[in-house]
Amino acid sequence: MSLLSTDPATASVIKPIEALLEFLDGRRGKLLDIGCGEGVLSDTLSQHGYAVTGIDPLVGNGSPAWRVRASAGAIPLASNSFDIAVFHWSLHHVPEDLMVAALTEAQRVLNGNGRLFVIEPEPVGSWQEVSQPFHDETAVQAKAVQAVEEVIKARPAQRRRQYYLSEDFYDNFDGFVESMMSHAYNRYTEDQIRQQSVRESFESCREDDTYRLRHRIRMEEICWNASAQT
């Protein structure tokens, strides 16, 4: 039974890697992880049978996935060379003026039957309520949605969309602050996180002996080859 939902209002909690593996629907082949960061997801997908290349401007060393240090807006890899391209919570981190270029590059490196997967958080849920005062990504997430629409308008494609809820656990507010400050992409200060409105929103997320912050995630599969649809 699928844990993913076609209705965002009925999305249920599932671990991100489990959601992605289910959404990939058993397809295998050469996979490009665009915006892979340190490569944790890339390595995990490699361990699940994918031949993974991870690309990121700040990518570090590691294995088993191959890593390439480069921008998503100019992927230094051959055209028609991948079966799957994935933006996993990464498209909204691409500079706004490069989002369309990044999607177009992903389309270029896919082979004739290739599929593009765009997985993006939406500004919905307790995670949004807690983080909005110091890390509001509503506008840039909307830009990512717009970029996808522009690319599909330029070259019509078939799409599949599903949703799930991502859930993070914290023992206390200090643990949440420490976690947020550990992110390499943060543009906020510890004082901003510790403001009273953030603390109050965080405290409202307590369930039993832990704090649960949930985020709704939108998953899209895009295919430009209609004959490849199932």
Foldseek 3Di string as FASTA:
>chain_A
DDQWAPDLVPAEEDAPLVNVVVVVPPDEEEEEEEQCAQPPSQQVVVVVHHQYEYEECRYDDDDDHHYDRDHLLDDPDAFQATQEYEHAQNLLVHPLVRSLSSVVVRNRNHHQLHKYKYKHWACDWLVNQLCVQFDHSHVSSVSNVVSVVVNCVVQPWDKDKIKHKYKDKDQALVRVLVVQVPDPPDPGDSVSSPDPSNRVSQVVQDDDRIGMTMIMMMMMMIHRNVVSDD
